[in-house]
Amino acid sequence: MKVTGIVLIVAGILMLIFTNINFTTEKKVVDLGPVQINQKQNNSFGWPSWVGGVAIIAGIVLVVADKKKL
């Protein structure tokens, strides 16, 4: 449980720092033998900042619960 808690804390901190991820995908529009037309499309994946806070709190709870267990 301690490892899971630490992973949640680190993930929560990263989620607070990076609130969204941008990436580009390439889609084939026309394929006529040797001639190809591709379209590049920018995509974004985001999450609310409170989700990072919840992950940090859950990680702290797991780490503290593991220490009390010993």
PDB file of N, CA and C in Angstrom:
ATOM      1  N   MET A   1       0.820  -1.192   0.000  1.00  0.00           N
ATOM      2  CA  MET A   1       0.000   0.000   0.000  1.00  0.00           C
ATOM      3  C   MET A   1       0.864   1.257   0.000  1.00  0.00           C
ATOM      4  N   LYS A   2       2.034   1.153   0.589  1.00  0.00           N
ATOM      5  CA  LYS A   2       2.909   2.317   0.647  1.00  0.00           C
ATOM      6  C   LYS A   2       3.357   2.736  -0.750  1.00  0.00           C
ATOM      7  N   VAL A   3       3.688   1.768  -1.593  1.00  0.00           N
ATOM      8  CA  VAL A   3       4.131   2.067  -2.959  1.00  0.00           C
ATOM      9  C   VAL A   3       2.991   2.703  -3.746  1.00  0.00           C
ATOM     10  N   THR A   4       1.787   2.193  -3.587  1.00  0.00           N
ATOM     11  CA  THR A   4       0.623   2.758  -4.264  1.00  0.00           C
ATOM     12  C   THR A   4       0.383   4.196  -3.813  1.00  0.00           C
ATOM     13  N   GLY A   5       0.551   4.449  -2.531  1.00  0.00           N
ATOM     14  CA  GLY A   5       0.383   5.802  -2.009  1.00  0.00           C
ATOM     15  C   GLY A   5       1.407   6.760  -2.583  1.00  0.00           C
ATOM     16  N   ILE A   6       2.648   6.321  -2.670  1.00  0.00           N
ATOM     17  CA  ILE A   6       3.700   7.174  -3.231  1.00  0.00           C
ATOM     18  C   ILE A   6       3.428   7.451  -4.713  1.00  0.00           C
ATOM     19  N   VAL A   7       2.989   6.431  -5.444  1.00  0.00           N
ATOM     20  CA  VAL A   7       2.666   6.621  -6.859  1.00  0.00           C
ATOM     21  C   VAL A   7       1.515   7.616  -7.010  1.00  0.00           C
ATOM     22  N   LEU A   8       0.509   7.528  -6.152  1.00  0.00           N
ATOM     23  CA  LEU A   8      -0.607   8.468  -6.208  1.00  0.00           C
ATOM     24  C   LEU A   8      -0.161   9.894  -5.894  1.00  0.00           C
ATOM     25  N   ILE A   9       0.731  10.047  -4.944  1.00  0.00           N
ATOM     26  CA  ILE A   9       1.235  11.383  -4.605  1.00  0.00           C
ATOM     27  C   ILE A   9       1.982  11.981  -5.789  1.00  0.00           C
ATOM     28  N   VAL A  10       2.882  11.208  -6.386  1.00  0.00           N
ATOM     29  CA  VAL A  10       3.645  11.702  -7.529  1.00  0.00           C
ATOM     30  C   VAL A  10       2.713  12.014  -8.708  1.00  0.00           C
ATOM     31  N   ALA A  11       1.760  11.132  -8.967  1.00  0.00           N
ATOM     32  CA  ALA A  11       0.818  11.365 -10.066  1.00  0.00           C
ATOM     33  C   ALA A  11      -0.027  12.611  -9.797  1.00  0.00           C
ATOM     34  N   GLY A  12      -0.439  12.804  -8.556  1.00  0.00           N
ATOM     35  CA  GLY A  12      -1.229  13.988  -8.214  1.00  0.00           C
ATOM     36  C   GLY A  12      -0.447  15.279  -8.409  1.00  0.00           C
ATOM     37  N   ILE A  13       0.833  15.273  -8.024  1.00  0.00           N
ATOM     38  CA  ILE A  13       1.676  16.458  -8.230  1.00  0.00           C
ATOM     39  C   ILE A  13       1.831  16.742  -9.719  1.00  0.00           C
ATOM     40  N   LEU A  14       2.064  15.699 -10.509  1.00  0.00           N
ATOM     41  CA  LEU A  14       2.193  15.889 -11.957  1.00  0.00           C
ATOM     42  C   LEU A  14       0.888  16.388 -12.568  1.00  0.00           C
ATOM     43  N   MET A  15      -0.246  15.914 -12.051  1.00  0.00           N
ATOM     44  CA  MET A  15      -1.539  16.363 -12.571  1.00  0.00           C
ATOM     45  C   MET A  15      -1.799  17.826 -12.232  1.00  0.00           C
ATOM     46  N   LEU A  16      -1.265  18.309 -11.106  1.00  0.00           N
ATOM     47  CA  LEU A  16      -1.415  19.722 -10.777  1.00  0.00           C
ATOM     48  C   LEU A  16      -0.507  20.597 -11.644  1.00  0.00           C
ATOM     49  N   ILE A  17       0.666  20.076 -11.982  1.00  0.00           N
ATOM     50  CA  ILE A  17       1.603  20.841 -12.805  1.00  0.00           C
ATOM     51  C   ILE A  17       1.143  20.858 -14.261  1.00  0.00           C
ATOM     52  N   PHE A  18       0.807  19.694 -14.796  1.00  0.00           N
ATOM     53  CA  PHE A  18       0.390  19.571 -16.192  1.00  0.00           C
ATOM     54  C   PHE A  18      -1.116  19.331 -16.215  1.00  0.00           C
ATOM     55  N   THR A  19      -1.886  20.369 -16.475  1.00  0.00           N
ATOM     56  CA  THR A  19      -3.348  20.226 -16.434  1.00  0.00           C
ATOM     57  C   THR A  19      -3.934  19.655 -17.722  1.00  0.00           C
ATOM     58  N   ASN A  20      -3.133  19.607 -18.780  1.00  0.00           N
ATOM     59  CA  ASN A  20      -3.604  18.958 -20.004  1.00  0.00           C
ATOM     60  C   ASN A  20      -2.410  18.465 -20.812  1.00  0.00           C
ATOM     61  N   ILE A  21      -2.699  17.551 -21.734  1.00  0.00           N
ATOM     62  CA  ILE A  21      -1.676  16.977 -22.600  1.00  0.00           C
ATOM     63  C   ILE A  21      -2.108  17.228 -24.038  1.00  0.00           C
ATOM     64  N   ASN A  22      -1.207  17.782 -24.838  1.00  0.00           N
ATOM     65  CA  ASN A  22      -1.479  18.029 -26.252  1.00  0.00           C
ATOM     66  C   ASN A  22      -0.714  17.024 -27.099  1.00  0.00           C
ATOM     67  N   PHE A  23      -1.369  16.503 -28.130  1.00  0.00           N
ATOM     68  CA  PHE A  23      -0.720  15.573 -29.044  1.00  0.00           C
ATOM     69  C   PHE A  23      -1.311  15.728 -30.435  1.00  0.00           C
ATOM     70  N   THR A  24      -0.563  15.285 -31.429  1.00  0.00           N
ATOM     71  CA  THR A  24      -0.972  15.408 -32.821  1.00  0.00           C
ATOM     72  C   THR A  24      -1.171  14.018 -33.415  1.00  0.00           C
ATOM     73  N   THR A  25      -2.269  13.853 -34.135  1.00  0.00           N
ATOM     74  CA  THR A  25      -2.524  12.604 -34.853  1.00  0.00           C
ATOM     75  C   THR A  25      -2.575  12.906 -36.347  1.00  0.00           C
ATOM     76  N   GLU A  26      -2.214  11.936 -37.138  1.00  0.00           N
ATOM     77  CA  GLU A  26      -2.227  12.090 -38.589  1.00  0.00           C
ATOM     78  C   GLU A  26      -3.248  11.118 -39.171  1.00  0.00           C
ATOM     79  N   LYS A  27      -4.145  11.650 -39.984  1.00  0.00           N
ATOM     80  CA  LYS A  27      -5.230  10.862 -40.547  1.00  0.00           C
ATOM     81  C   LYS A  27      -5.094  10.861 -42.071  1.00  0.00           C
ATOM     82  N   LYS A  28      -5.207   9.682 -42.677  1.00  0.00           N
ATOM     83  CA  LYS A  28      -5.118   9.558 -44.127  1.00  0.00           C
ATOM     84  C   LYS A  28      -6.464   9.960 -44.728  1.00  0.00           C
ATOM     85  N   VAL A  29      -6.453  10.993 -45.569  1.00  0.00           N
ATOM     86  CA  VAL A  29      -7.682  11.500 -46.186  1.00  0.00           C
ATOM     87  C   VAL A  29      -7.898  10.861 -47.549  1.00  0.00           C
ATOM     88  N   VAL A  30      -6.855  10.868 -48.397  1.00  0.00           N
ATOM     89  CA  VAL A  30      -6.960  10.312 -49.748  1.00  0.00           C
ATOM     90  C   VAL A  30      -5.756   9.407 -49.985  1.00  0.00           C
ATOM     91  N   ASP A  31      -6.007   8.244 -50.561  1.00  0.00           N
ATOM     92  CA  ASP A  31      -4.933   7.316 -50.899  1.00  0.00           C
ATOM     93  C   ASP A  31      -5.170   6.831 -52.329  1.00  0.00           C
ATOM     94  N   LEU A  32      -4.479   7.457 -53.275  1.00  0.00           N
ATOM     95  CA  LEU A  32      -4.614   7.096 -54.690  1.00  0.00           C
ATOM     96  C   LEU A  32      -3.292   6.531 -55.191  1.00  0.00           C
ATOM     97  N   GLY A  33      -2.966   5.346 -54.775  1.00  0.00           N
ATOM     98  CA  GLY A  33      -1.713   4.719 -55.188  1.00  0.00           C
ATOM     99  C   GLY A  33      -0.526   5.467 -54.614  1.00  0.00           C
ATOM    100  N   PRO A  34       0.318   6.049 -55.475  1.00  0.00           N
ATOM    101  CA  PRO A  34       1.498   6.750 -54.976  1.00  0.00           C
ATOM    102  C   PRO A  34       1.178   8.122 -54.376  1.00  0.00           C
ATOM    103  N   VAL A  35      -0.039   8.625 -54.596  1.00  0.00           N
ATOM    104  CA  VAL A  35      -0.422   9.939 -54.072  1.00  0.00           C
ATOM    105  C   VAL A  35      -1.231   9.747 -52.789  1.00  0.00           C
ATOM    106  N   GLN A  36      -0.752  10.367 -51.715  1.00  0.00           N
ATOM    107  CA  GLN A  36      -1.459  10.299 -50.445  1.00  0.00           C
ATOM    108  C   GLN A  36      -1.641  11.702 -49.910  1.00  0.00           C
ATOM    109  N   ILE A  37      -2.810  11.961 -49.358  1.00  0.00           N
ATOM    110  CA  ILE A  37      -3.080  13.235 -48.704  1.00  0.00           C
ATOM    111  C   ILE A  37      -3.411  12.926 -47.249  1.00  0.00           C
ATOM    112  N   ASN A  38      -2.616  13.503 -46.353  1.00  0.00           N
ATOM    113  CA  ASN A  38      -2.801  13.288 -44.926  1.00  0.00           C
ATOM    114  C   ASN A  38      -3.207  14.588 -44.254  1.00  0.00           C
ATOM    115  N   GLN A  39      -3.949  14.456 -43.171  1.00  0.00           N
ATOM    116  CA  GLN A  39      -4.374  15.612 -42.397  1.00  0.00           C
ATOM    117  C   GLN A  39      -3.849  15.460 -40.979  1.00  0.00           C
ATOM    118  N   LYS A  40      -3.134  16.478 -40.509  1.00  0.00           N
ATOM    119  CA  LYS A  40      -2.656  16.484 -39.131  1.00  0.00           C
ATOM    120  C   LYS A  40      -3.693  17.178 -38.261  1.00  0.00           C
ATOM    121  N   GLN A  41      -3.998  16.561 -37.134  1.00  0.00           N
ATOM    122  CA  GLN A  41      -5.027  17.084 -36.256  1.00  0.00           C
ATOM    123  C   GLN A  41      -4.463  17.223 -34.849  1.00  0.00           C
ATOM    124  N   ASN A  42      -4.586  18.419 -34.276  1.00  0.00           N
ATOM    125  CA  ASN A  42      -4.139  18.654 -32.904  1.00  0.00           C
ATOM    126  C   ASN A  42      -5.237  18.241 -31.943  1.00  0.00           C
ATOM    127  N   ASN A  43      -4.868  17.450 -30.946  1.00  0.00           N
ATOM    128  CA  ASN A  43      -5.813  16.980 -29.936  1.00  0.00           C
ATOM    129  C   ASN A  43      -5.310  17.394 -28.561  1.00  0.00           C
ATOM    130  N   SER A  44      -6.245  17.490 -27.632  1.00  0.00           N
ATOM    131  CA  SER A  44      -5.897  17.862 -26.272  1.00  0.00           C
ATOM    132  C   SER A  44      -6.686  16.987 -25.308  1.00  0.00           C
ATOM    133  N   PHE A  45      -6.018  16.563 -24.248  1.00  0.00           N
ATOM    134  CA  PHE A  45      -6.658  15.757 -23.212  1.00  0.00           C
ATOM    135  C   PHE A  45      -6.406  16.457 -21.887  1.00  0.00           C
ATOM    136  N   GLY A  46      -7.453  16.887 -21.217  1.00  0.00           N
ATOM    137  CA  GLY A  46      -7.287  17.634 -19.974  1.00  0.00           C
ATOM    138  C   GLY A  46      -8.138  17.082 -18.848  1.00  0.00           C
ATOM    139  N   TRP A  47      -7.845  17.535 -17.636  1.00  0.00           N
ATOM    140  CA  TRP A  47      -8.589  17.125 -16.449  1.00  0.00           C
ATOM    141  C   TRP A  47      -8.636  18.304 -15.498  1.00  0.00           C
ATOM    142  N   PRO A  48      -9.629  18.335 -14.615  1.00  0.00           N
ATOM    143  CA  PRO A  48      -9.703  19.431 -13.648  1.00  0.00           C
ATOM    144  C   PRO A  48      -8.585  19.326 -12.615  1.00  0.00           C
ATOM    145  N   SER A  49      -8.178  20.463 -12.078  1.00  0.00           N
ATOM    146  CA  SER A  49      -7.056  20.462 -11.142  1.00  0.00           C
ATOM    147  C   SER A  49      -7.405  19.791  -9.814  1.00  0.00           C
ATOM    148  N   TRP A  50      -8.681  19.742  -9.454  1.00  0.00           N
ATOM    149  CA  TRP A  50      -9.046  19.125  -8.186  1.00  0.00           C
ATOM    150  C   TRP A  50      -8.775  17.617  -8.191  1.00  0.00           C
ATOM    151  N   VAL A  51      -8.712  17.002  -9.341  1.00  0.00           N
ATOM    152  CA  VAL A  51      -8.425  15.566  -9.421  1.00  0.00           C
ATOM    153  C   VAL A  51      -7.007  15.288  -8.920  1.00  0.00           C
ATOM    154  N   GLY A  52      -6.060  16.180  -9.241  1.00  0.00           N
ATOM    155  CA  GLY A  52      -4.700  16.038  -8.733  1.00  0.00           C
ATOM    156  C   GLY A  52      -4.657  16.147  -7.222  1.00  0.00           C
ATOM    157  N   GLY A  53      -5.441  17.076  -6.662  1.00  0.00           N
ATOM    158  CA  GLY A  53      -5.508  17.223  -5.205  1.00  0.00           C
ATOM    159  C   GLY A  53      -6.077  15.994  -4.532  1.00  0.00           C
ATOM    160  N   VAL A  54      -7.102  15.418  -5.128  1.00  0.00           N
ATOM    161  CA  VAL A  54      -7.704  14.195  -4.569  1.00  0.00           C
ATOM    162  C   VAL A  54      -6.701  13.045  -4.606  1.00  0.00           C
ATOM    163  N   ALA A  55      -5.928  12.946  -5.686  1.00  0.00           N
ATOM    164  CA  ALA A  55      -4.924  11.885  -5.790  1.00  0.00           C
ATOM    165  C   ALA A  55      -3.843  12.056  -4.732  1.00  0.00           C
ATOM    166  N   ILE A  56      -3.415  13.297  -4.477  1.00  0.00           N
ATOM    167  CA  ILE A  56      -2.402  13.545  -3.438  1.00  0.00           C
ATOM    168  C   ILE A  56      -2.938  13.166  -2.067  1.00  0.00           C
ATOM    169  N   ILE A  57      -4.159  13.573  -1.754  1.00  0.00           N
ATOM    170  CA  ILE A  57      -4.754  13.257  -0.443  1.00  0.00           C
ATOM    171  C   ILE A  57      -4.917  11.750  -0.274  1.00  0.00           C
ATOM    172  N   ALA A  58      -5.373  11.065  -1.327  1.00  0.00           N
ATOM    173  CA  ALA A  58      -5.529   9.611  -1.244  1.00  0.00           C
ATOM    174  C   ALA A  58      -4.178   8.931  -1.038  1.00  0.00           C
ATOM    175  N   GLY A  59      -3.138   9.431  -1.700  1.00  0.00           N
ATOM    176  CA  GLY A  59      -1.801   8.869  -1.517  1.00  0.00           C
ATOM    177  C   GLY A  59      -1.289   9.064  -0.111  1.00  0.00           C
ATOM    178  N   ILE A  60      -1.523  10.247   0.459  1.00  0.00           N
ATOM    179  CA  ILE A  60      -1.093  10.508   1.840  1.00  0.00           C
ATOM    180  C   ILE A  60      -1.825   9.594   2.808  1.00  0.00           C
ATOM    181  N   VAL A  61      -3.121   9.407   2.584  1.00  0.00           N
ATOM    182  CA  VAL A  61      -3.904   8.508   3.449  1.00  0.00           C
ATOM    183  C   VAL A  61      -3.355   7.088   3.387  1.00  0.00           C
ATOM    184  N   LEU A  62      -3.007   6.607   2.202  1.00  0.00           N
ATOM    185  CA  LEU A  62      -2.473   5.250   2.074  1.00  0.00           C
ATOM    186  C   LEU A  62      -1.111   5.107   2.755  1.00  0.00           C
ATOM    187  N   VAL A  63      -0.253   6.115   2.634  1.00  0.00           N
ATOM    188  CA  VAL A  63       1.070   6.049   3.264  1.00  0.00           C
ATOM    189  C   VAL A  63       0.935   6.078   4.783  1.00  0.00           C
ATOM    190  N   VAL A  64       0.079   6.950   5.307  1.00  0.00           N
ATOM    191  CA  VAL A  64      -0.114   7.045   6.761  1.00  0.00           C
ATOM    192  C   VAL A  64      -0.767   5.776   7.296  1.00  0.00           C
ATOM    193  N   ALA A  65      -1.727   5.214   6.574  1.00  0.00           N
ATOM    194  CA  ALA A  65      -2.387   3.987   7.018  1.00  0.00           C
ATOM    195  C   ALA A  65      -1.399   2.814   7.052  1.00  0.00           C
ATOM    196  N   ASP A  66      -0.455   2.806   6.128  1.00  0.00           N
ATOM    197  CA  ASP A  66       0.549   1.738   6.111  1.00  0.00           C
ATOM    198  C   ASP A  66       1.499   1.867   7.295  1.00  0.00           C
ATOM    199  N   LYS A  67       1.839   3.096   7.695  1.00  0.00           N
ATOM    200  CA  LYS A  67       2.737   3.287   8.843  1.00  0.00           C
ATOM    201  C   LYS A  67       2.050   2.898  10.148  1.00  0.00           C
ATOM    202  N   LYS A  68       0.745   3.177  10.272  1.00  0.00           N
ATOM    203  CA  LYS A  68       0.021   2.813  11.476  1.00  0.00           C
ATOM    204  C   LYS A  68      -0.146   1.297  11.580  1.00  0.00           C
ATOM    205  N   LYS A  69      -0.136   0.619  10.458  1.00  0.00           N
ATOM    206  CA  LYS A  69      -0.334  -0.834  10.414  1.00  0.00           C
ATOM    207  C   LYS A  69       0.843  -1.566  11.060  1.00  0.00           C
ATOM    208  N   LEU A  70       2.042  -1.005  10.943  1.00  0.00           N
ATOM    209  CA  LEU A  70       3.241  -1.651  11.498  1.00  0.00           C
ATOM    210  C   LEU A  70       3.164  -1.593  12.964  1.00  0.00           C
TER     211      LEU A  70
END
